C-alpha cells in the first residue's frame, strides 16, 4: 500500500497589497495549493488569480486561530497543500509564529516565503533611501503602545526615538497625538520629516509628506486611522552625502582604488574623526 501524501503548509508573504509585488515563489505556492487562506482586507483579490481552479478559498477575516489550525490538521490528515497568505512580510506583525508553533508535530512540511514589507514599499514610493551615510545607518521598526497588544518594557516609541535615526512606525495612526508626543519626548525636533502612507500600493494609495510638528493635523485632516504607516527621521530629507562603496578612493575585491582619491578619502575621514565628539 502506497504511503499517504504528506501535507504541506506554505506561509506566503503577499507584500503590502499590490498583487504584482508577489515573488515568483509565492505565486507558485498559491498555484499549487489545494486550500488558500488569505486576508481579504489586507491583500488585493488579484493574488487569487494564481490559485488553481477548484482550490478551496477561505477568508481569514472570519476565522480564529483555532479555525485556521483546524484546516492545517485536515491538511495533515488528507495530504493537502495549504497556502496561508499574509500581508507584507510574515516576519512582521503577521501572527505567523503562533501558527507555526501549533503545527509542530502535525507532520506537515512547512515553508515560509518572505514578502515585501510595507515600510520598504513606502520608501520606494517616496523615492527615499532610509540609511543615508553620516545621517542614519539604522532603521527601527516598531509600533505605538496602547493598542490591542501590549508593548514589552523598554520598547516605547519615546525610547527608540532617542537614537534619532530612521523609524518606521506601524499600527499607530489612531493615536497620532500620542505618537507625536513620544517622538518629541525622545528628542526628535518638530521639523523632522515624516512620510505618511495610507494603503501603500493599493488603488486608494495616499502618500503625504509632513513633519512631526504637523503629523497629527495631517492624519486627522485625511481621517486616517488604519492601514497607515509612518516613516520618520532626518534621512527622509537628507542630501549631499555619499557612501564609500562607489567612491574612487575606496577599494574592494573587484575594484582598485585610485591612489589620489584614496589619499583624499583618508584625509577626509581623519578630519571627520577629529571633529566628532569622543
C-alpha atoms as a PDB file:
ATOM      1  CA  UNK A   1       0.000   0.000   0.000  1.00  0.00           C
ATOM      2  CA  UNK A   2       1.419   3.397  -1.008  1.00  0.00           C
ATOM      3  CA  UNK A   3       2.158   5.906   1.726  1.00  0.00           C
ATOM      4  CA  UNK A   4      -0.356   8.727   2.085  1.00  0.00           C
ATOM      5  CA  UNK A   5       0.911  12.022   0.606  1.00  0.00           C
ATOM      6  CA  UNK A   6       2.472  14.444   3.079  1.00  0.00           C
ATOM      7  CA  UNK A   7       0.545  17.639   3.657  1.00  0.00           C
ATOM      8  CA  UNK A   8       2.267  20.973   3.223  1.00  0.00           C
ATOM      9  CA  UNK A   9       1.808  24.438   4.720  1.00  0.00           C
ATOM     10  CA  UNK A  10       3.315  27.415   2.931  1.00  0.00           C
ATOM     11  CA  UNK A  11       3.123  30.763   4.689  1.00  0.00           C
ATOM     12  CA  UNK A  12       3.160  33.300   1.876  1.00  0.00           C
ATOM     13  CA  UNK A  13       4.231  36.897   2.267  1.00  0.00           C
ATOM     14  CA  UNK A  14       1.988  38.793  -0.155  1.00  0.00           C
ATOM     15  CA  UNK A  15       3.598  42.210   0.175  1.00  0.00           C
ATOM     16  CA  UNK A  16       1.820  45.459   1.045  1.00  0.00           C
ATOM     17  CA  UNK A  17      -1.159  44.856  -1.211  1.00  0.00           C
ATOM     18  CA  UNK A  18      -0.424  45.103  -4.930  1.00  0.00           C
ATOM     19  CA  UNK A  19      -0.689  41.663  -6.492  1.00  0.00           C
ATOM     20  CA  UNK A  20       2.280  42.209  -8.793  1.00  0.00           C
ATOM     21  CA  UNK A  21       4.593  42.543  -5.777  1.00  0.00           C
ATOM     22  CA  UNK A  22       4.300  38.803  -5.109  1.00  0.00           C
ATOM     23  CA  UNK A  23       7.519  36.875  -5.609  1.00  0.00           C
ATOM     24  CA  UNK A  24       7.640  34.095  -8.203  1.00  0.00           C
ATOM     25  CA  UNK A  25       7.965  31.599  -5.362  1.00  0.00           C
ATOM     26  CA  UNK A  26       4.859  32.987  -3.661  1.00  0.00           C
ATOM     27  CA  UNK A  27       2.814  32.811  -6.873  1.00  0.00           C
ATOM     28  CA  UNK A  28       3.923  29.212  -7.420  1.00  0.00           C
ATOM     29  CA  UNK A  29       2.925  28.206  -3.879  1.00  0.00           C
ATOM     30  CA  UNK A  30      -0.555  29.688  -4.366  1.00  0.00           C
ATOM     31  CA  UNK A  31      -0.909  27.928  -7.724  1.00  0.00           C
ATOM     32  CA  UNK A  32      -0.041  24.550  -6.201  1.00  0.00           C
ATOM     33  CA  UNK A  33      -2.316  24.866  -3.159  1.00  0.00           C
ATOM     34  CA  UNK A  34      -5.430  22.789  -2.550  1.00  0.00           C
ATOM     35  CA  UNK A  35      -6.529  25.317   0.087  1.00  0.00           C
ATOM     36  CA  UNK A  36      -5.786  29.054   0.060  1.00  0.00           C
ATOM     37  CA  UNK A  37      -6.333  31.085   3.238  1.00  0.00           C
ATOM     38  CA  UNK A  38      -5.967  34.802   2.631  1.00  0.00           C
ATOM     39  CA  UNK A  39      -6.543  38.087   4.436  1.00  0.00           C
ATOM     40  CA  UNK A  40      -9.139  39.737   2.184  1.00  0.00           C
ATOM     41  CA  UNK A  41      -8.976  43.110   3.943  1.00  0.00           C
ATOM     42  CA  UNK A  42      -5.181  43.345   3.638  1.00  0.00           C
ATOM     43  CA  UNK A  43      -4.360  41.734   0.293  1.00  0.00           C
ATOM     44  CA  UNK A  44      -5.742  42.585  -3.143  1.00  0.00           C
ATOM     45  CA  UNK A  45      -8.045  39.970  -4.649  1.00  0.00           C
ATOM     46  CA  UNK A  46      -5.852  39.669  -7.754  1.00  0.00           C
ATOM     47  CA  UNK A  47      -3.466  37.427  -5.796  1.00  0.00           C
ATOM     48  CA  UNK A  48      -6.143  34.735  -6.098  1.00  0.00           C
ATOM     49  CA  UNK A  49      -5.675  34.755  -9.877  1.00  0.00           C
ATOM     50  CA  UNK A  50      -2.746  32.442  -9.178  1.00  0.00           C
ATOM     51  CA  UNK A  51      -4.970  29.871  -7.432  1.00  0.00           C
ATOM     52  CA  UNK A  52      -5.880  26.811  -9.451  1.00  0.00           C
ATOM     53  CA  UNK A  53      -9.463  26.104 -10.467  1.00  0.00           C
ATOM     54  CA  UNK A  54     -11.216  24.141  -7.770  1.00  0.00           C
ATOM     55  CA  UNK A  55      -8.983  25.278  -4.927  1.00  0.00           C
ATOM     56  CA  UNK A  56     -10.763  25.935  -1.641  1.00  0.00           C
ATOM     57  CA  UNK A  57     -10.580  29.665  -0.838  1.00  0.00           C
ATOM     58  CA  UNK A  58     -11.021  30.814   2.778  1.00  0.00           C
ATOM     59  CA  UNK A  59     -11.007  34.369   4.131  1.00  0.00           C
ATOM     60  CA  UNK A  60      -9.008  34.532   7.366  1.00  0.00           C
ATOM     61  CA  UNK A  61     -11.007  37.590   8.497  1.00  0.00           C
ATOM     62  CA  UNK A  62     -13.816  35.254   9.538  1.00  0.00           C
ATOM     63  CA  UNK A  63     -11.515  32.697  11.162  1.00  0.00           C
ATOM     64  CA  UNK A  64      -9.980  32.391  14.618  1.00  0.00           C
ATOM     65  CA  UNK A  65      -6.558  30.834  15.177  1.00  0.00           C
ATOM     66  CA  UNK A  66      -8.332  27.621  16.142  1.00  0.00           C
ATOM     67  CA  UNK A  67     -10.259  27.650  12.851  1.00  0.00           C
ATOM     68  CA  UNK A  68      -7.046  28.086  10.880  1.00  0.00           C
ATOM     69  CA  UNK A  69      -5.261  25.336  12.794  1.00  0.00           C
ATOM     70  CA  UNK A  70      -8.201  23.004  12.103  1.00  0.00           C
ATOM     71  CA  UNK A  71      -7.519  23.476   8.375  1.00  0.00           C
ATOM     72  CA  UNK A  72      -3.862  22.616   8.960  1.00  0.00           C
ATOM     73  CA  UNK A  73      -4.880  19.483  10.852  1.00  0.00           C
ATOM     74  CA  UNK A  74      -7.108  18.460   7.954  1.00  0.00           C
ATOM     75  CA  UNK A  75      -4.254  19.105   5.554  1.00  0.00           C
ATOM     76  CA  UNK A  76      -2.042  16.775   7.600  1.00  0.00           C
ATOM     77  CA  UNK A  77      -4.686  14.028   7.598  1.00  0.00           C
ATOM     78  CA  UNK A  78      -5.556  14.316   3.902  1.00  0.00           C
ATOM     79  CA  UNK A  79      -2.175  15.259   2.453  1.00  0.00           C
ATOM     80  CA  UNK A  80      -3.348  18.698   1.272  1.00  0.00           C
ATOM     81  CA  UNK A  81      -1.223  21.694   0.300  1.00  0.00           C
ATOM     82  CA  UNK A  82      -2.231  24.901   2.073  1.00  0.00           C
ATOM     83  CA  UNK A  83      -1.105  28.416   1.137  1.00  0.00           C
ATOM     84  CA  UNK A  84      -1.631  30.810   4.026  1.00  0.00           C
ATOM     85  CA  UNK A  85      -1.358  34.311   2.539  1.00  0.00           C
ATOM     86  CA  UNK A  86      -0.306  37.110   4.878  1.00  0.00           C
ATOM     87  CA  UNK A  87       0.067  40.786   4.008  1.00  0.00           C
ATOM     88  CA  UNK A  88       3.534  42.310   3.998  1.00  0.00           C
ATOM     89  CA  UNK A  89       6.320  40.107   5.279  1.00  0.00           C
ATOM     90  CA  UNK A  90       5.392  37.195   7.596  1.00  0.00           C
ATOM     91  CA  UNK A  91       8.240  38.138   9.946  1.00  0.00           C
ATOM     92  CA  UNK A  92       6.481  41.364  10.997  1.00  0.00           C
ATOM     93  CA  UNK A  93       3.157  41.566  12.856  1.00  0.00           C
ATOM     94  CA  UNK A  94       1.681  38.667  10.921  1.00  0.00           C
ATOM     95  CA  UNK A  95       0.601  36.359  13.732  1.00  0.00           C
ATOM     96  CA  UNK A  96       2.634  33.663  11.994  1.00  0.00           C
ATOM     97  CA  UNK A  97       4.693  32.307  14.878  1.00  0.00           C
ATOM     98  CA  UNK A  98       1.647  31.214  16.855  1.00  0.00           C
ATOM     99  CA  UNK A  99       0.516  29.250  13.814  1.00  0.00           C
ATOM    100  CA  UNK A 100       3.924  27.684  13.256  1.00  0.00           C
ATOM    101  CA  UNK A 101       4.068  26.687  16.916  1.00  0.00           C
ATOM    102  CA  UNK A 102       0.678  24.968  16.621  1.00  0.00           C
ATOM    103  CA  UNK A 103       1.599  22.910  13.543  1.00  0.00           C
ATOM    104  CA  UNK A 104       4.685  21.375  15.139  1.00  0.00           C
ATOM    105  CA  UNK A 105       4.065  17.658  15.459  1.00  0.00           C
ATOM    106  CA  UNK A 106       1.335  17.527  12.810  1.00  0.00           C
ATOM    107  CA  UNK A 107       3.680  16.047  10.236  1.00  0.00           C
ATOM    108  CA  UNK A 108       3.254  18.897   7.755  1.00  0.00           C
ATOM    109  CA  UNK A 109       6.046  20.131   5.571  1.00  0.00           C
ATOM    110  CA  UNK A 110       6.366  23.848   6.312  1.00  0.00           C
ATOM    111  CA  UNK A 111       7.855  26.708   4.298  1.00  0.00           C
ATOM    112  CA  UNK A 112       7.761  30.460   4.903  1.00  0.00           C
ATOM    113  CA  UNK A 113       8.107  32.733   1.871  1.00  0.00           C
ATOM    114  CA  UNK A 114       9.175  36.315   2.591  1.00  0.00           C
ATOM    115  CA  UNK A 115       7.271  39.268   1.191  1.00  0.00           C
ATOM    116  CA  UNK A 116       7.830  42.959   0.582  1.00  0.00           C
ATOM    117  CA  UNK A 117       7.205  44.829   3.821  1.00  0.00           C
ATOM    118  CA  UNK A 118       5.119  47.975   3.679  1.00  0.00           C
ATOM    119  CA  UNK A 119       7.992  50.037   5.123  1.00  0.00           C
ATOM    120  CA  UNK A 120      10.235  49.240   2.159  1.00  0.00           C
ATOM    121  CA  UNK A 121       7.338  49.737  -0.259  1.00  0.00           C
ATOM    122  CA  UNK A 122       6.661  53.200   1.182  1.00  0.00           C
ATOM    123  CA  UNK A 123      10.353  54.119   0.976  1.00  0.00           C
ATOM    124  CA  UNK A 124      10.292  53.116  -2.687  1.00  0.00           C
ATOM    125  CA  UNK A 125       7.144  55.152  -3.371  1.00  0.00           C
ATOM    126  CA  UNK A 126       8.715  58.161  -1.646  1.00  0.00           C
ATOM    127  CA  UNK A 127      11.974  57.544  -3.551  1.00  0.00           C
ATOM    128  CA  UNK A 128      13.998  57.701  -0.357  1.00  0.00           C
ATOM    129  CA  UNK A 129      16.834  55.569   0.962  1.00  0.00           C
ATOM    130  CA  UNK A 130      16.388  55.060   4.698  1.00  0.00           C
ATOM    131  CA  UNK A 131      20.090  54.675   5.508  1.00  0.00           C
ATOM    132  CA  UNK A 132      21.989  57.784   4.422  1.00  0.00           C
ATOM    133  CA  UNK A 133      25.753  57.991   5.063  1.00  0.00           C
ATOM    134  CA  UNK A 134      26.586  60.198   8.053  1.00  0.00           C
ATOM    135  CA  UNK A 135      22.865  60.799   8.755  1.00  0.00           C
ATOM    136  CA  UNK A 136      21.217  57.450   9.586  1.00  0.00           C
ATOM    137  CA  UNK A 137      22.613  53.947   9.365  1.00  0.00           C
ATOM    138  CA  UNK A 138      19.860  52.104  11.213  1.00  0.00           C
ATOM    139  CA  UNK A 139      16.125  51.562  10.754  1.00  0.00           C
ATOM    140  CA  UNK A 140      13.862  50.889  13.741  1.00  0.00           C
ATOM    141  CA  UNK A 141      10.608  49.047  13.040  1.00  0.00           C
ATOM    142  CA  UNK A 142       8.078  49.473  15.821  1.00  0.00           C
ATOM    143  CA  UNK A 143       4.549  50.407  16.815  1.00  0.00           C
ATOM    144  CA  UNK A 144       2.974  52.668  19.394  1.00  0.00           C
ATOM    145  CA  UNK A 145       1.956  51.287  22.760  1.00  0.00           C
ATOM    146  CA  UNK A 146      -1.654  51.330  23.892  1.00  0.00           C
ATOM    147  CA  UNK A 147      -3.094  49.101  21.183  1.00  0.00           C
ATOM    148  CA  UNK A 148      -4.570  45.618  21.403  1.00  0.00           C
ATOM    149  CA  UNK A 149      -1.180  44.011  22.048  1.00  0.00           C
ATOM    150  CA  UNK A 150       0.830  45.430  24.980  1.00  0.00           C
ATOM    151  CA  UNK A 151       4.371  46.561  24.273  1.00  0.00           C
ATOM    152  CA  UNK A 152       7.183  44.879  26.209  1.00  0.00           C
ATOM    153  CA  UNK A 153       9.019  47.063  28.764  1.00  0.00           C
ATOM    154  CA  UNK A 154      11.629  49.307  27.160  1.00  0.00           C
ATOM    155  CA  UNK A 155      10.054  49.253  23.715  1.00  0.00           C
ATOM    156  CA  UNK A 156       8.210  52.546  23.895  1.00  0.00           C
ATOM    157  CA  UNK A 157       8.436  54.837  20.862  1.00  0.00           C
ATOM    158  CA  UNK A 158       9.970  57.576  23.031  1.00  0.00           C
ATOM    159  CA  UNK A 159      12.857  55.255  23.928  1.00  0.00           C
ATOM    160  CA  UNK A 160      13.551  54.286  20.320  1.00  0.00           C
ATOM    161  CA  UNK A 161      13.281  57.931  19.269  1.00  0.00           C
ATOM    162  CA  UNK A 162      16.310  58.774  21.402  1.00  0.00           C
ATOM    163  CA  UNK A 163      18.503  57.178  18.715  1.00  0.00           C
ATOM    164  CA  UNK A 164      17.499  59.906  16.238  1.00  0.00           C
ATOM    165  CA  UNK A 165      17.724  57.519  13.305  1.00  0.00           C
ATOM    166  CA  UNK A 166      15.065  56.378  10.810  1.00  0.00           C
ATOM    167  CA  UNK A 167      11.915  54.871  12.289  1.00  0.00           C
ATOM    168  CA  UNK A 168       9.071  53.006  10.612  1.00  0.00           C
ATOM    169  CA  UNK A 169       6.026  53.173  12.877  1.00  0.00           C
ATOM    170  CA  UNK A 170       3.217  50.710  12.153  1.00  0.00           C
ATOM    171  CA  UNK A 171      -0.302  50.364  13.562  1.00  0.00           C
ATOM    172  CA  UNK A 172      -0.387  53.789  15.214  1.00  0.00           C
ATOM    173  CA  UNK A 173      -2.497  56.198  13.160  1.00  0.00           C
ATOM    174  CA  UNK A 174      -5.474  56.044  15.536  1.00  0.00           C
ATOM    175  CA  UNK A 175      -3.296  57.590  18.276  1.00  0.00           C
ATOM    176  CA  UNK A 176      -1.402  60.192  16.257  1.00  0.00           C
ATOM    177  CA  UNK A 177      -1.339  62.689  19.130  1.00  0.00           C
ATOM    178  CA  UNK A 178       0.363  60.179  21.399  1.00  0.00           C
ATOM    179  CA  UNK A 179       2.794  59.325  18.610  1.00  0.00           C
ATOM    180  CA  UNK A 180       3.815  62.965  18.195  1.00  0.00           C
ATOM    181  CA  UNK A 181       4.227  63.358  21.949  1.00  0.00           C
ATOM    182  CA  UNK A 182       6.518  60.336  22.233  1.00  0.00           C
ATOM    183  CA  UNK A 183       8.600  61.245  19.183  1.00  0.00           C
ATOM    184  CA  UNK A 184       9.237  64.697  20.626  1.00  0.00           C
ATOM    185  CA  UNK A 185       9.937  63.337  24.109  1.00  0.00           C
ATOM    186  CA  UNK A 186      12.535  61.073  22.514  1.00  0.00           C
ATOM    187  CA  UNK A 187      14.388  64.056  21.129  1.00  0.00           C
ATOM    188  CA  UNK A 188      13.351  64.486  17.507  1.00  0.00           C
ATOM    189  CA  UNK A 189      12.953  68.177  16.544  1.00  0.00           C
ATOM    190  CA  UNK A 190       9.456  69.233  15.441  1.00  0.00           C
ATOM    191  CA  UNK A 191      10.918  69.874  11.966  1.00  0.00           C
ATOM    192  CA  UNK A 192      11.884  66.205  11.498  1.00  0.00           C
ATOM    193  CA  UNK A 193      10.460  64.972   8.170  1.00  0.00           C
ATOM    194  CA  UNK A 194       7.715  62.344   8.103  1.00  0.00           C
ATOM    195  CA  UNK A 195       6.206  60.294   5.289  1.00  0.00           C
ATOM    196  CA  UNK A 196       2.606  59.224   5.976  1.00  0.00           C
ATOM    197  CA  UNK A 197       1.373  56.380   3.773  1.00  0.00           C
ATOM    198  CA  UNK A 198      -2.155  55.007   3.649  1.00  0.00           C
ATOM    199  CA  UNK A 199      -2.890  51.784   1.714  1.00  0.00           C
ATOM    200  CA  UNK A 200       0.518  51.812   0.047  1.00  0.00           C
ATOM    201  CA  UNK A 201       0.480  50.101  -3.410  1.00  0.00           C
ATOM    202  CA  UNK A 202      -3.340  49.882  -3.411  1.00  0.00           C
ATOM    203  CA  UNK A 203      -5.509  51.853  -5.864  1.00  0.00           C
ATOM    204  CA  UNK A 204      -6.540  54.017  -2.858  1.00  0.00           C
ATOM    205  CA  UNK A 205      -2.903  54.786  -2.019  1.00  0.00           C
ATOM    206  CA  UNK A 206      -2.271  58.123  -0.341  1.00  0.00           C
ATOM    207  CA  UNK A 207       1.281  59.242   0.451  1.00  0.00           C
ATOM    208  CA  UNK A 208       1.809  62.550   2.251  1.00  0.00           C
ATOM    209  CA  UNK A 209       4.867  64.434   3.467  1.00  0.00           C
ATOM    210  CA  UNK A 210       4.837  66.460   6.645  1.00  0.00           C
ATOM    211  CA  UNK A 211       6.899  66.981   9.793  1.00  0.00           C
ATOM    212  CA  UNK A 212       6.486  65.714  13.318  1.00  0.00           C
ATOM    213  CA  UNK A 213       5.065  69.143  14.108  1.00  0.00           C
ATOM    214  CA  UNK A 214       2.271  68.728  11.538  1.00  0.00           C
ATOM    215  CA  UNK A 215       1.838  64.943  11.755  1.00  0.00           C
ATOM    216  CA  UNK A 216      -1.272  64.917  13.942  1.00  0.00           C
ATOM    217  CA  UNK A 217      -3.156  67.512  11.899  1.00  0.00           C
ATOM    218  CA  UNK A 218      -2.188  65.713   8.667  1.00  0.00           C
ATOM    219  CA  UNK A 219      -3.578  62.412   9.943  1.00  0.00           C
ATOM    220  CA  UNK A 220      -6.791  63.976  11.221  1.00  0.00           C
ATOM    221  CA  UNK A 221      -7.318  66.092   8.103  1.00  0.00           C
ATOM    222  CA  UNK A 222      -7.303  62.969   5.936  1.00  0.00           C
ATOM    223  CA  UNK A 223      -9.182  60.847   8.506  1.00  0.00           C
ATOM    224  CA  UNK A 224      -6.530  58.163   8.667  1.00  0.00           C
ATOM    225  CA  UNK A 225      -6.874  55.608  11.440  1.00  0.00           C
ATOM    226  CA  UNK A 226      -5.838  52.267   9.963  1.00  0.00           C
ATOM    227  CA  UNK A 227      -3.728  50.837   7.115  1.00  0.00           C
ATOM    228  CA  UNK A 228      -1.308  53.717   7.693  1.00  0.00           C
ATOM    229  CA  UNK A 229       2.463  53.650   8.102  1.00  0.00           C
ATOM    230  CA  UNK A 230       4.801  56.447   9.234  1.00  0.00           C
ATOM    231  CA  UNK A 231       8.417  56.843   8.187  1.00  0.00           C
ATOM    232  CA  UNK A 232      10.212  59.286  10.476  1.00  0.00           C
ATOM    233  CA  UNK A 233      13.733  60.668  10.577  1.00  0.00           C
ATOM    234  CA  UNK A 234      16.324  63.027   9.101  1.00  0.00           C
ATOM    235  CA  UNK A 235      17.230  60.612   6.296  1.00  0.00           C
ATOM    236  CA  UNK A 236      13.910  61.419   4.623  1.00  0.00           C
ATOM    237  CA  UNK A 237      15.169  64.827   3.511  1.00  0.00           C
ATOM    238  CA  UNK A 238      18.967  64.470   3.697  1.00  0.00           C
ATOM    239  CA  UNK A 239      21.206  65.009   0.698  1.00  0.00           C
ATOM    240  CA  UNK A 240      24.786  65.927  -0.107  1.00  0.00           C
ATOM    241  CA  UNK A 241      26.498  62.874   1.370  1.00  0.00           C
ATOM    242  CA  UNK A 242      27.857  59.828  -0.445  1.00  0.00           C
ATOM    243  CA  UNK A 243      28.768  56.288   0.508  1.00  0.00           C
ATOM    244  CA  UNK A 244      32.300  54.957   0.283  1.00  0.00           C
ATOM    245  CA  UNK A 245      31.201  51.968  -1.770  1.00  0.00           C
ATOM    246  CA  UNK A 246      31.324  53.799  -5.107  1.00  0.00           C
ATOM    247  CA  UNK A 247      33.957  56.357  -4.139  1.00  0.00           C
ATOM    248  CA  UNK A 248      37.001  56.206  -6.444  1.00  0.00           C
ATOM    249  CA  UNK A 249      39.190  56.137  -3.348  1.00  0.00           C
ATOM    250  CA  UNK A 250      37.533  53.005  -1.989  1.00  0.00           C
ATOM    251  CA  UNK A 251      38.721  49.540  -2.961  1.00  0.00           C
ATOM    252  CA  UNK A 252      37.235  46.068  -2.674  1.00  0.00           C
ATOM    253  CA  UNK A 253      37.699  42.637  -4.195  1.00  0.00           C
ATOM    254  CA  UNK A 254      36.515  43.750  -7.621  1.00  0.00           C
ATOM    255  CA  UNK A 255      37.982  47.241  -7.934  1.00  0.00           C
ATOM    256  CA  UNK A 256      41.225  49.012  -7.141  1.00  0.00           C
ATOM    257  CA  UNK A 257      41.241  52.462  -5.563  1.00  0.00           C
ATOM    258  CA  UNK A 258      42.529  55.480  -7.427  1.00  0.00           C
ATOM    259  CA  UNK A 259      45.691  56.469  -5.437  1.00  0.00           C
ATOM    260  CA  UNK A 260      44.965  60.214  -5.420  1.00  0.00           C
ATOM    261  CA  UNK A 261      41.311  59.694  -4.473  1.00  0.00           C
ATOM    262  CA  UNK A 262      42.381  57.189  -1.824  1.00  0.00           C
ATOM    263  CA  UNK A 263      44.625  59.717  -0.100  1.00  0.00           C
ATOM    264  CA  UNK A 264      41.902  62.371  -0.249  1.00  0.00           C
ATOM    265  CA  UNK A 265      39.339  59.966   1.226  1.00  0.00           C
ATOM    266  CA  UNK A 266      41.650  59.005   4.101  1.00  0.00           C
ATOM    267  CA  UNK A 267      42.308  62.671   4.851  1.00  0.00           C
ATOM    268  CA  UNK A 268      38.577  63.411   4.808  1.00  0.00           C
ATOM    269  CA  UNK A 269      37.870  60.526   7.191  1.00  0.00           C
ATOM    270  CA  UNK A 270      40.623  61.634   9.558  1.00  0.00           C
ATOM    271  CA  UNK A 271      39.189  65.155   9.640  1.00  0.00           C
ATOM    272  CA  UNK A 272      35.688  63.844  10.446  1.00  0.00           C
ATOM    273  CA  UNK A 273      37.076  61.621  13.203  1.00  0.00           C
ATOM    274  CA  UNK A 274      38.879  64.596  14.717  1.00  0.00           C
ATOM    275  CA  UNK A 275      35.691  66.707  14.656  1.00  0.00           C
ATOM    276  CA  UNK A 276      33.453  64.035  16.122  1.00  0.00           C
ATOM    277  CA  UNK A 277      32.870  64.047  19.907  1.00  0.00           C
ATOM    278  CA  UNK A 278      34.816  61.417  21.820  1.00  0.00           C
END
